[in-house]
Amino acid sequence: MKTKIRLNLLFLITNILIFMLVSFSAKSSDLAKEKRWADQITDSLMTGDSVWLKDGKSKFLGLYADSATAKTKGALIVVHGIGVHPNWPDVIQPIRSEMPEHDWATLSIQMPILENGKTSVDYVPLFKEVNGRFDAAVNYLKSKNIQNIVIVAHSLGTTMANHYLVNKPSPLVRGYISISSSSNPDYKELDNVKKITQITSIPMLDIYGDQDLDSVLRFSEARKRAGEKANKNYKQLSLKGADHFYQSTAPLLIKHTRLWLLKNTPGKKVNAVK
């Protein structure tokens, strides 16, 4: 009798675990939400052009802006944070719209998203979609004859960028700017401190605000130690007075982005293909 009860209990637990595993792994980006964001953005777009990219499974929105001089030193792939879109007013929109004034094209891309209220842990199953989106962005820039590409990512976007960079990034990606990156050592995909140790072949700038989120500040020293040990071209920078969204310090963020690019990934000015 006891053996039968134990077997039934084991069977029940096994089914629950399988159900949880299937439910967890089946998650994918909320394409309906992506479409709502896209409709909203394209109806009011002031800078650049909307383009539709394909990751092999679905199409997603990108916002491309050529350099203001019709020449470019390269292009920035701009990556937003949790649950938002490629024209988000904090961090993303200022970078993607202002850096073309400094000879850099920008391509801000829609990353996989979930409904509102989800945490970074909820996003872990969506990381399987990340590399395809970066590859599509790189291929689009290649079609523009752009050979010098830098990823600029914010918040959860840094975790997605790290995921791409520690796997099989394109050799055209020549630099990386990480803005307000947190870390969660309890989950492999969210352990940005460990991932930094694997980003060794390209220059990296790790920016955060001295008024940033606790999850960013708490791991800042660990990120710095990991980066400096693994990458001779790693630099960390704390921006005074900046919080997680850089609303009052966007000009300072743009300034340091521009200066770092000039020194670390200067590129060559070439005519972009129209």
C-alpha atoms as a PDB file:
ATOM      1  CA  MET A   1       0.000   0.000   0.000  1.00  0.00           C
ATOM      2  CA  LYS A   2       2.755   2.419   0.974  1.00  0.00           C
ATOM      3  CA  THR A   3       4.671   1.517  -2.182  1.00  0.00           C
ATOM      4  CA  LYS A   4       1.609   2.296  -4.304  1.00  0.00           C
ATOM      5  CA  ILE A   5       1.139   5.663  -2.598  1.00  0.00           C
ATOM      6  CA  ARG A   6       4.789   6.514  -3.144  1.00  0.00           C
ATOM      7  CA  LEU A   7       4.527   5.566  -6.825  1.00  0.00           C
ATOM      8  CA  ASN A   8       1.402   7.659  -7.273  1.00  0.00           C
ATOM      9  CA  LEU A   9       3.071  10.598  -5.553  1.00  0.00           C
ATOM     10  CA  LEU A  10       6.158  10.219  -7.713  1.00  0.00           C
ATOM     11  CA  PHE A  11       3.973  10.058 -10.821  1.00  0.00           C
ATOM     12  CA  LEU A  12       2.124  13.216  -9.767  1.00  0.00           C
ATOM     13  CA  ILE A  13       5.337  15.123  -9.045  1.00  0.00           C
ATOM     14  CA  THR A  14       6.840  14.004 -12.349  1.00  0.00           C
ATOM     15  CA  ASN A  15       3.810  15.229 -14.283  1.00  0.00           C
ATOM     16  CA  ILE A  16       3.881  18.567 -12.491  1.00  0.00           C
ATOM     17  CA  LEU A  17       7.574  19.032 -13.298  1.00  0.00           C
ATOM     18  CA  ILE A  18       7.020  18.099 -16.947  1.00  0.00           C
ATOM     19  CA  PHE A  19       4.119  20.544 -17.158  1.00  0.00           C
ATOM     20  CA  MET A  20       6.227  23.307 -15.642  1.00  0.00           C
ATOM     21  CA  LEU A  21       9.131  22.542 -17.950  1.00  0.00           C
ATOM     22  CA  VAL A  22       6.948  22.532 -21.063  1.00  0.00           C
ATOM     23  CA  SER A  23       5.172  25.719 -20.014  1.00  0.00           C
ATOM     24  CA  PHE A  24       8.488  27.434 -19.275  1.00  0.00           C
ATOM     25  CA  SER A  25      10.164  26.380 -22.511  1.00  0.00           C
ATOM     26  CA  ALA A  26       7.150  27.153 -24.684  1.00  0.00           C
ATOM     27  CA  LYS A  27       7.192  30.863 -23.993  1.00  0.00           C
ATOM     28  CA  SER A  28       8.005  33.146 -26.868  1.00  0.00           C
ATOM     29  CA  SER A  29       7.820  36.824 -27.649  1.00  0.00           C
ATOM     30  CA  ASP A  30       4.394  38.463 -27.525  1.00  0.00           C
ATOM     31  CA  LEU A  31       4.076  39.211 -31.241  1.00  0.00           C
ATOM     32  CA  ALA A  32       0.723  40.937 -30.758  1.00  0.00           C
ATOM     33  CA  LYS A  33       2.347  43.368 -28.351  1.00  0.00           C
ATOM     34  CA  GLU A  34       5.230  43.843 -30.767  1.00  0.00           C
ATOM     35  CA  LYS A  35       2.717  44.781 -33.473  1.00  0.00           C
ATOM     36  CA  ARG A  36       0.980  47.274 -31.191  1.00  0.00           C
ATOM     37  CA  TRP A  37       4.317  48.895 -30.415  1.00  0.00           C
ATOM     38  CA  ALA A  38       5.205  48.947 -34.121  1.00  0.00           C
ATOM     39  CA  ASP A  39       1.916  50.575 -35.119  1.00  0.00           C
ATOM     40  CA  GLN A  40       2.362  53.223 -32.454  1.00  0.00           C
ATOM     41  CA  ILE A  41       5.975  53.951 -33.419  1.00  0.00           C
ATOM     42  CA  THR A  42       5.589  54.067 -37.191  1.00  0.00           C
ATOM     43  CA  ASP A  43       2.615  56.428 -36.971  1.00  0.00           C
ATOM     44  CA  SER A  44       4.676  59.011 -35.083  1.00  0.00           C
ATOM     45  CA  LEU A  45       8.263  58.381 -36.220  1.00  0.00           C
ATOM     46  CA  MET A  46      10.271  61.601 -36.454  1.00  0.00           C
ATOM     47  CA  THR A  47      13.835  60.347 -37.003  1.00  0.00           C
ATOM     48  CA  GLY A  48      14.924  57.561 -39.304  1.00  0.00           C
ATOM     49  CA  ASP A  49      12.915  54.936 -41.157  1.00  0.00           C
ATOM     50  CA  SER A  50      11.097  51.835 -40.017  1.00  0.00           C
ATOM     51  CA  VAL A  51      12.366  48.582 -41.511  1.00  0.00           C
ATOM     52  CA  TRP A  52      11.125  45.029 -41.104  1.00  0.00           C
ATOM     53  CA  LEU A  53      13.760  42.432 -40.320  1.00  0.00           C
ATOM     54  CA  LYS A  54      13.407  38.644 -40.349  1.00  0.00           C
ATOM     55  CA  ASP A  55      14.948  36.347 -37.745  1.00  0.00           C
ATOM     56  CA  GLY A  56      14.039  33.118 -39.542  1.00  0.00           C
ATOM     57  CA  LYS A  57      10.747  32.640 -37.712  1.00  0.00           C
ATOM     58  CA  SER A  58       9.028  36.010 -37.673  1.00  0.00           C
ATOM     59  CA  LYS A  59       9.518  39.593 -38.740  1.00  0.00           C
ATOM     60  CA  PHE A  60      10.299  42.348 -36.251  1.00  0.00           C
ATOM     61  CA  LEU A  61      10.667  46.110 -36.293  1.00  0.00           C
ATOM     62  CA  GLY A  62      13.901  48.011 -36.672  1.00  0.00           C
ATOM     63  CA  LEU A  63      14.440  51.774 -36.826  1.00  0.00           C
ATOM     64  CA  TYR A  64      17.305  52.759 -39.108  1.00  0.00           C
ATOM     65  CA  ALA A  65      18.872  56.218 -39.250  1.00  0.00           C
ATOM     66  CA  ASP A  66      21.790  56.952 -41.536  1.00  0.00           C
ATOM     67  CA  SER A  67      24.526  59.345 -40.475  1.00  0.00           C
ATOM     68  CA  ALA A  68      23.526  62.969 -40.979  1.00  0.00           C
ATOM     69  CA  THR A  69      26.463  63.555 -43.338  1.00  0.00           C
ATOM     70  CA  ALA A  70      25.466  60.631 -45.587  1.00  0.00           C
ATOM     71  CA  LYS A  71      28.744  59.046 -44.509  1.00  0.00           C
ATOM     72  CA  THR A  72      29.329  56.723 -41.630  1.00  0.00           C
ATOM     73  CA  LYS A  73      32.134  55.472 -39.437  1.00  0.00           C
ATOM     74  CA  GLY A  74      29.953  52.474 -38.648  1.00  0.00           C
ATOM     75  CA  ALA A  75      26.618  51.632 -37.105  1.00  0.00           C
ATOM     76  CA  LEU A  76      25.201  51.100 -33.655  1.00  0.00           C
ATOM     77  CA  ILE A  77      22.761  48.289 -32.990  1.00  0.00           C
ATOM     78  CA  VAL A  78      20.672  49.829 -30.202  1.00  0.00           C
ATOM     79  CA  VAL A  79      18.968  47.417 -27.803  1.00  0.00           C
ATOM     80  CA  HIS A  80      16.179  48.399 -25.399  1.00  0.00           C
ATOM     81  CA  GLY A  81      15.337  47.092 -21.930  1.00  0.00           C
ATOM     82  CA  ILE A  82      12.559  44.925 -20.520  1.00  0.00           C
ATOM     83  CA  GLY A  83       9.149  44.978 -22.197  1.00  0.00           C
ATOM     84  CA  VAL A  84       9.552  48.157 -24.231  1.00  0.00           C
ATOM     85  CA  HIS A  85      10.369  49.121 -27.825  1.00  0.00           C
ATOM     86  CA  PRO A  86      13.106  50.471 -30.146  1.00  0.00           C
ATOM     87  CA  ASN A  87      12.045  54.107 -29.812  1.00  0.00           C
ATOM     88  CA  TRP A  88      11.723  54.162 -26.022  1.00  0.00           C
ATOM     89  CA  PRO A  89      12.187  57.763 -24.826  1.00  0.00           C
ATOM     90  CA  ASP A  90      14.677  56.890 -22.076  1.00  0.00           C
ATOM     91  CA  VAL A  91      18.209  56.063 -23.291  1.00  0.00           C
ATOM     92  CA  ILE A  92      17.151  54.436 -26.580  1.00  0.00           C
ATOM     93  CA  GLN A  93      15.592  57.333 -28.480  1.00  0.00           C
ATOM     94  CA  PRO A  94      18.341  59.834 -27.572  1.00  0.00           C
ATOM     95  CA  ILE A  95      21.096  57.461 -28.685  1.00  0.00           C
ATOM     96  CA  ARG A  96      19.475  56.292 -31.895  1.00  0.00           C
ATOM     97  CA  SER A  97      18.468  59.805 -32.991  1.00  0.00           C
ATOM     98  CA  GLU A  98      21.511  61.829 -31.885  1.00  0.00           C
ATOM     99  CA  MET A  99      24.454  59.597 -32.780  1.00  0.00           C
ATOM    100  CA  PRO A 100      23.821  60.035 -36.546  1.00  0.00           C
ATOM    101  CA  GLU A 101      24.893  63.651 -35.983  1.00  0.00           C
ATOM    102  CA  HIS A 102      28.335  62.225 -35.132  1.00  0.00           C
ATOM    103  CA  ASP A 103      28.807  60.067 -38.253  1.00  0.00           C
ATOM    104  CA  TRP A 104      27.271  56.902 -36.827  1.00  0.00           C
ATOM    105  CA  ALA A 105      24.266  55.199 -38.356  1.00  0.00           C
ATOM    106  CA  THR A 106      21.904  53.552 -35.874  1.00  0.00           C
ATOM    107  CA  LEU A 107      19.643  50.530 -36.058  1.00  0.00           C
ATOM    108  CA  SER A 108      17.419  50.192 -33.014  1.00  0.00           C
ATOM    109  CA  ILE A 109      15.742  46.790 -32.925  1.00  0.00           C
ATOM    110  CA  GLN A 110      12.703  45.289 -31.259  1.00  0.00           C
ATOM    111  CA  MET A 111      13.791  42.538 -28.899  1.00  0.00           C
ATOM    112  CA  PRO A 112      11.539  39.706 -27.651  1.00  0.00           C
ATOM    113  CA  ILE A 113       8.998  40.959 -25.123  1.00  0.00           C
ATOM    114  CA  LEU A 114       6.352  39.674 -22.738  1.00  0.00           C
ATOM    115  CA  GLU A 115       3.228  41.246 -21.312  1.00  0.00           C
ATOM    116  CA  ASN A 116       3.635  43.939 -18.679  1.00  0.00           C
ATOM    117  CA  GLY A 117       4.660  43.024 -15.150  1.00  0.00           C
ATOM    118  CA  LYS A 118       7.113  40.248 -16.015  1.00  0.00           C
ATOM    119  CA  THR A 119      10.575  40.025 -14.463  1.00  0.00           C
ATOM    120  CA  SER A 120      13.929  39.204 -16.010  1.00  0.00           C
ATOM    121  CA  VAL A 121      13.533  35.612 -14.832  1.00  0.00           C
ATOM    122  CA  ASP A 122      10.334  35.332 -16.894  1.00  0.00           C
ATOM    123  CA  TYR A 123      12.357  36.367 -19.938  1.00  0.00           C
ATOM    124  CA  VAL A 124      14.852  33.512 -19.750  1.00  0.00           C
ATOM    125  CA  PRO A 125      12.883  31.267 -22.188  1.00  0.00           C
ATOM    126  CA  LEU A 126      12.895  34.078 -24.759  1.00  0.00           C
ATOM    127  CA  PHE A 127      16.678  34.082 -25.036  1.00  0.00           C
ATOM    128  CA  LYS A 128      16.398  31.410 -27.695  1.00  0.00           C
ATOM    129  CA  GLU A 129      15.096  34.158 -29.995  1.00  0.00           C
ATOM    130  CA  VAL A 130      17.839  36.677 -29.277  1.00  0.00           C
ATOM    131  CA  ASN A 131      20.653  35.561 -31.573  1.00  0.00           C
ATOM    132  CA  GLY A 132      18.390  35.475 -34.617  1.00  0.00           C
ATOM    133  CA  ARG A 133      17.440  39.095 -34.087  1.00  0.00           C
ATOM    134  CA  PHE A 134      21.041  40.227 -33.759  1.00  0.00           C
ATOM    135  CA  ASP A 135      22.008  38.259 -36.867  1.00  0.00           C
ATOM    136  CA  ALA A 136      19.167  39.891 -38.814  1.00  0.00           C
ATOM    137  CA  ALA A 137      20.320  43.335 -37.664  1.00  0.00           C
ATOM    138  CA  VAL A 138      23.921  42.640 -38.699  1.00  0.00           C
ATOM    139  CA  ASN A 139      22.799  41.358 -42.098  1.00  0.00           C
ATOM    140  CA  TYR A 140      20.734  44.489 -42.674  1.00  0.00           C
ATOM    141  CA  LEU A 141      23.723  46.700 -41.893  1.00  0.00           C
ATOM    142  CA  LYS A 142      25.899  44.592 -44.197  1.00  0.00           C
ATOM    143  CA  SER A 143      23.410  45.348 -46.966  1.00  0.00           C
ATOM    144  CA  LYS A 144      24.184  49.022 -46.291  1.00  0.00           C
ATOM    145  CA  ASN A 145      27.906  48.327 -46.802  1.00  0.00           C
ATOM    146  CA  ILE A 146      28.582  48.936 -43.108  1.00  0.00           C
ATOM    147  CA  GLN A 147      31.458  46.855 -41.769  1.00  0.00           C
ATOM    148  CA  ASN A 148      32.069  48.450 -38.356  1.00  0.00           C
ATOM    149  CA  ILE A 149      29.274  47.600 -35.914  1.00  0.00           C
ATOM    150  CA  VAL A 150      28.950  48.354 -32.209  1.00  0.00           C
ATOM    151  CA  ILE A 151      26.188  47.080 -29.926  1.00  0.00           C
ATOM    152  CA  VAL A 152      24.745  49.607 -27.474  1.00  0.00           C
ATOM    153  CA  ALA A 153      22.363  47.984 -24.993  1.00  0.00           C
ATOM    154  CA  HIS A 154      20.411  49.116 -21.930  1.00  0.00           C
ATOM    155  CA  SER A 155      19.159  47.218 -18.873  1.00  0.00           C
ATOM    156  CA  LEU A 156      17.812  43.746 -19.799  1.00  0.00           C
ATOM    157  CA  GLY A 157      19.038  44.494 -23.305  1.00  0.00           C
ATOM    158  CA  THR A 158      22.588  44.114 -21.956  1.00  0.00           C
ATOM    159  CA  THR A 159      21.768  40.593 -20.841  1.00  0.00           C
ATOM    160  CA  MET A 160      20.449  39.779 -24.308  1.00  0.00           C
ATOM    161  CA  ALA A 161      23.510  41.367 -25.902  1.00  0.00           C
ATOM    162  CA  ASN A 162      25.774  39.352 -23.608  1.00  0.00           C
ATOM    163  CA  HIS A 163      23.943  36.194 -24.636  1.00  0.00           C
ATOM    164  CA  TYR A 164      24.687  36.965 -28.278  1.00  0.00           C
ATOM    165  CA  LEU A 165      28.284  37.998 -27.694  1.00  0.00           C
ATOM    166  CA  VAL A 166      29.254  34.854 -25.771  1.00  0.00           C
ATOM    167  CA  ASN A 167      27.816  32.589 -28.473  1.00  0.00           C
ATOM    168  CA  LYS A 168      28.621  33.220 -32.147  1.00  0.00           C
ATOM    169  CA  PRO A 169      28.666  36.960 -32.797  1.00  0.00           C
ATOM    170  CA  SER A 170      29.433  38.343 -36.221  1.00  0.00           C
ATOM    171  CA  PRO A 171      33.069  39.405 -36.710  1.00  0.00           C
ATOM    172  CA  LEU A 172      31.653  42.735 -37.898  1.00  0.00           C
ATOM    173  CA  VAL A 173      30.719  43.522 -34.287  1.00  0.00           C
ATOM    174  CA  ARG A 174      33.769  45.518 -33.198  1.00  0.00           C
ATOM    175  CA  GLY A 175      32.667  46.967 -29.859  1.00  0.00           C
ATOM    176  CA  TYR A 176      30.077  46.895 -27.103  1.00  0.00           C
ATOM    177  CA  ILE A 177      28.586  49.523 -24.793  1.00  0.00           C
ATOM    178  CA  SER A 178      26.650  48.094 -21.856  1.00  0.00           C
ATOM    179  CA  ILE A 179      24.390  50.577 -20.029  1.00  0.00           C
ATOM    180  CA  SER A 180      23.052  49.806 -16.533  1.00  0.00           C
ATOM    181  CA  SER A 181      23.575  46.072 -16.531  1.00  0.00           C
ATOM    182  CA  SER A 182      22.430  44.037 -13.547  1.00  0.00           C
ATOM    183  CA  SER A 183      23.204  40.410 -12.737  1.00  0.00           C
ATOM    184  CA  ASN A 184      21.502  37.376 -11.208  1.00  0.00           C
ATOM    185  CA  PRO A 185      23.913  34.530 -10.416  1.00  0.00           C
ATOM    186  CA  ASP A 186      21.016  32.166  -9.700  1.00  0.00           C
ATOM    187  CA  TYR A 187      20.255  31.895 -13.417  1.00  0.00           C
ATOM    188  CA  LYS A 188      22.839  31.076 -16.051  1.00  0.00           C
ATOM    189  CA  GLU A 189      21.297  33.358 -18.667  1.00  0.00           C
ATOM    190  CA  LEU A 190      21.155  36.297 -16.238  1.00  0.00           C
ATOM    191  CA  ASP A 191      24.630  35.983 -14.737  1.00  0.00           C
ATOM    192  CA  ASN A 192      26.198  38.988 -16.442  1.00  0.00           C
ATOM    193  CA  VAL A 193      29.273  38.994 -14.220  1.00  0.00           C
ATOM    194  CA  LYS A 194      30.213  35.569 -15.538  1.00  0.00           C
ATOM    195  CA  LYS A 195      29.308  36.485 -19.106  1.00  0.00           C
ATOM    196  CA  ILE A 196      31.631  39.479 -19.025  1.00  0.00           C
ATOM    197  CA  THR A 197      34.543  37.086 -18.487  1.00  0.00           C
ATOM    198  CA  GLN A 198      33.714  35.564 -21.885  1.00  0.00           C
ATOM    199  CA  ILE A 199      33.601  38.841 -23.809  1.00  0.00           C
ATOM    200  CA  THR A 200      37.304  39.199 -24.454  1.00  0.00           C
ATOM    201  CA  SER A 201      37.885  39.968 -28.125  1.00  0.00           C
ATOM    202  CA  ILE A 202      36.222  43.391 -28.506  1.00  0.00           C
ATOM    203  CA  PRO A 203      36.434  46.664 -26.553  1.00  0.00           C
ATOM    204  CA  MET A 204      33.703  47.035 -23.936  1.00  0.00           C
ATOM    205  CA  LEU A 205      32.394  50.060 -22.050  1.00  0.00           C
ATOM    206  CA  ASP A 206      30.364  49.298 -18.911  1.00  0.00           C
ATOM    207  CA  ILE A 207      28.338  52.412 -17.987  1.00  0.00           C
ATOM    208  CA  TYR A 208      26.044  52.823 -15.008  1.00  0.00           C
ATOM    209  CA  GLY A 209      24.634  55.706 -12.977  1.00  0.00           C
ATOM    210  CA  ASP A 210      25.669  56.402  -9.418  1.00  0.00           C
ATOM    211  CA  GLN A 211      21.929  56.637  -8.650  1.00  0.00           C
ATOM    212  CA  ASP A 212      21.134  53.436 -10.552  1.00  0.00           C
ATOM    213  CA  LEU A 213      18.992  50.498  -9.451  1.00  0.00           C
ATOM    214  CA  ASP A 214      20.271  48.405  -6.552  1.00  0.00           C
ATOM    215  CA  SER A 215      20.498  45.363  -8.834  1.00  0.00           C
ATOM    216  CA  VAL A 216      22.945  47.341 -10.999  1.00  0.00           C
ATOM    217  CA  LEU A 217      24.965  48.973  -8.227  1.00  0.00           C
ATOM    218  CA  ARG A 218      25.291  45.787  -6.169  1.00  0.00           C
ATOM    219  CA  PHE A 219      27.246  44.028  -8.925  1.00  0.00           C
ATOM    220  CA  SER A 220      29.224  46.990 -10.259  1.00  0.00           C
ATOM    221  CA  GLU A 221      32.473  46.045  -8.517  1.00  0.00           C
ATOM    222  CA  ALA A 222      32.125  42.405  -9.506  1.00  0.00           C
ATOM    223  CA  ARG A 223      31.556  43.415 -13.128  1.00  0.00           C
ATOM    224  CA  LYS A 224      34.615  45.643 -13.017  1.00  0.00           C
ATOM    225  CA  ARG A 225      36.853  42.921 -11.576  1.00  0.00           C
ATOM    226  CA  ALA A 226      35.598  40.382 -14.095  1.00  0.00           C
ATOM    227  CA  GLY A 227      35.938  42.748 -17.046  1.00  0.00           C
ATOM    228  CA  GLU A 228      39.393  44.057 -16.207  1.00  0.00           C
ATOM    229  CA  LYS A 229      40.703  40.539 -15.633  1.00  0.00           C
ATOM    230  CA  ALA A 230      39.302  39.121 -18.872  1.00  0.00           C
ATOM    231  CA  ASN A 231      39.569  41.996 -21.331  1.00  0.00           C
ATOM    232  CA  LYS A 232      42.389  44.510 -21.659  1.00  0.00           C
ATOM    233  CA  ASN A 233      39.996  46.803 -23.530  1.00  0.00           C
ATOM    234  CA  TYR A 234      37.298  46.808 -20.849  1.00  0.00           C
ATOM    235  CA  LYS A 235      36.422  50.074 -19.134  1.00  0.00           C
ATOM    236  CA  GLN A 236      33.823  50.883 -16.483  1.00  0.00           C
ATOM    237  CA  LEU A 237      32.338  54.348 -16.057  1.00  0.00           C
ATOM    238  CA  SER A 238      29.966  55.654 -13.377  1.00  0.00           C
ATOM    239  CA  LEU A 239      27.985  58.730 -14.409  1.00  0.00           C
ATOM    240  CA  LYS A 240      27.408  61.179 -11.579  1.00  0.00           C
ATOM    241  CA  GLY A 241      23.755  62.030 -10.961  1.00  0.00           C
ATOM    242  CA  ALA A 242      22.455  59.402 -13.392  1.00  0.00           C
ATOM    243  CA  ASP A 243      19.684  56.985 -12.478  1.00  0.00           C
ATOM    244  CA  HIS A 244      18.606  53.890 -14.414  1.00  0.00           C
ATOM    245  CA  PHE A 245      16.779  55.905 -17.067  1.00  0.00           C
ATOM    246  CA  TYR A 246      19.264  58.798 -17.595  1.00  0.00           C
ATOM    247  CA  GLN A 247      16.397  61.250 -18.103  1.00  0.00           C
ATOM    248  CA  SER A 248      18.342  64.269 -16.853  1.00  0.00           C
ATOM    249  CA  THR A 249      21.753  63.004 -17.931  1.00  0.00           C
ATOM    250  CA  ALA A 250      21.104  61.885 -21.518  1.00  0.00           C
ATOM    251  CA  PRO A 251      23.505  64.512 -22.966  1.00  0.00           C
ATOM    252  CA  LEU A 252      26.276  63.194 -20.714  1.00  0.00           C
ATOM    253  CA  LEU A 253      25.502  59.633 -21.783  1.00  0.00           C
ATOM    254  CA  ILE A 254      25.697  60.659 -25.451  1.00  0.00           C
ATOM    255  CA  LYS A 255      28.967  62.500 -24.860  1.00  0.00           C
ATOM    256  CA  HIS A 256      30.702  59.516 -23.259  1.00  0.00           C
ATOM    257  CA  THR A 257      29.293  57.171 -25.901  1.00  0.00           C
ATOM    258  CA  ARG A 258      30.671  59.379 -28.671  1.00  0.00           C
ATOM    259  CA  LEU A 259      34.112  59.805 -27.070  1.00  0.00           C
ATOM    260  CA  TRP A 260      34.504  56.097 -26.340  1.00  0.00           C
ATOM    261  CA  LEU A 261      33.557  55.196 -29.918  1.00  0.00           C
ATOM    262  CA  LEU A 262      36.026  57.711 -31.288  1.00  0.00           C
ATOM    263  CA  LYS A 263      38.856  56.115 -29.318  1.00  0.00           C
ATOM    264  CA  ASN A 264      37.963  52.422 -29.436  1.00  0.00           C
ATOM    265  CA  THR A 265      36.058  51.800 -32.678  1.00  0.00           C
ATOM    266  CA  PRO A 266      36.830  54.750 -34.947  1.00  0.00           C
ATOM    267  CA  GLY A 267      36.113  52.897 -38.174  1.00  0.00           C
ATOM    268  CA  LYS A 268      36.562  54.418 -41.588  1.00  0.00           C
ATOM    269  CA  LYS A 269      34.295  56.947 -43.196  1.00  0.00           C
ATOM    270  CA  VAL A 270      32.668  55.278 -46.188  1.00  0.00           C
ATOM    271  CA  ASN A 271      29.668  56.127 -48.296  1.00  0.00           C
ATOM    272  CA  ALA A 272      26.690  54.128 -47.097  1.00  0.00           C
ATOM    273  CA  VAL A 273      24.652  52.274 -49.694  1.00  0.00           C
ATOM    274  CA  LYS A 274      21.229  53.882 -50.032  1.00  0.00           C
END
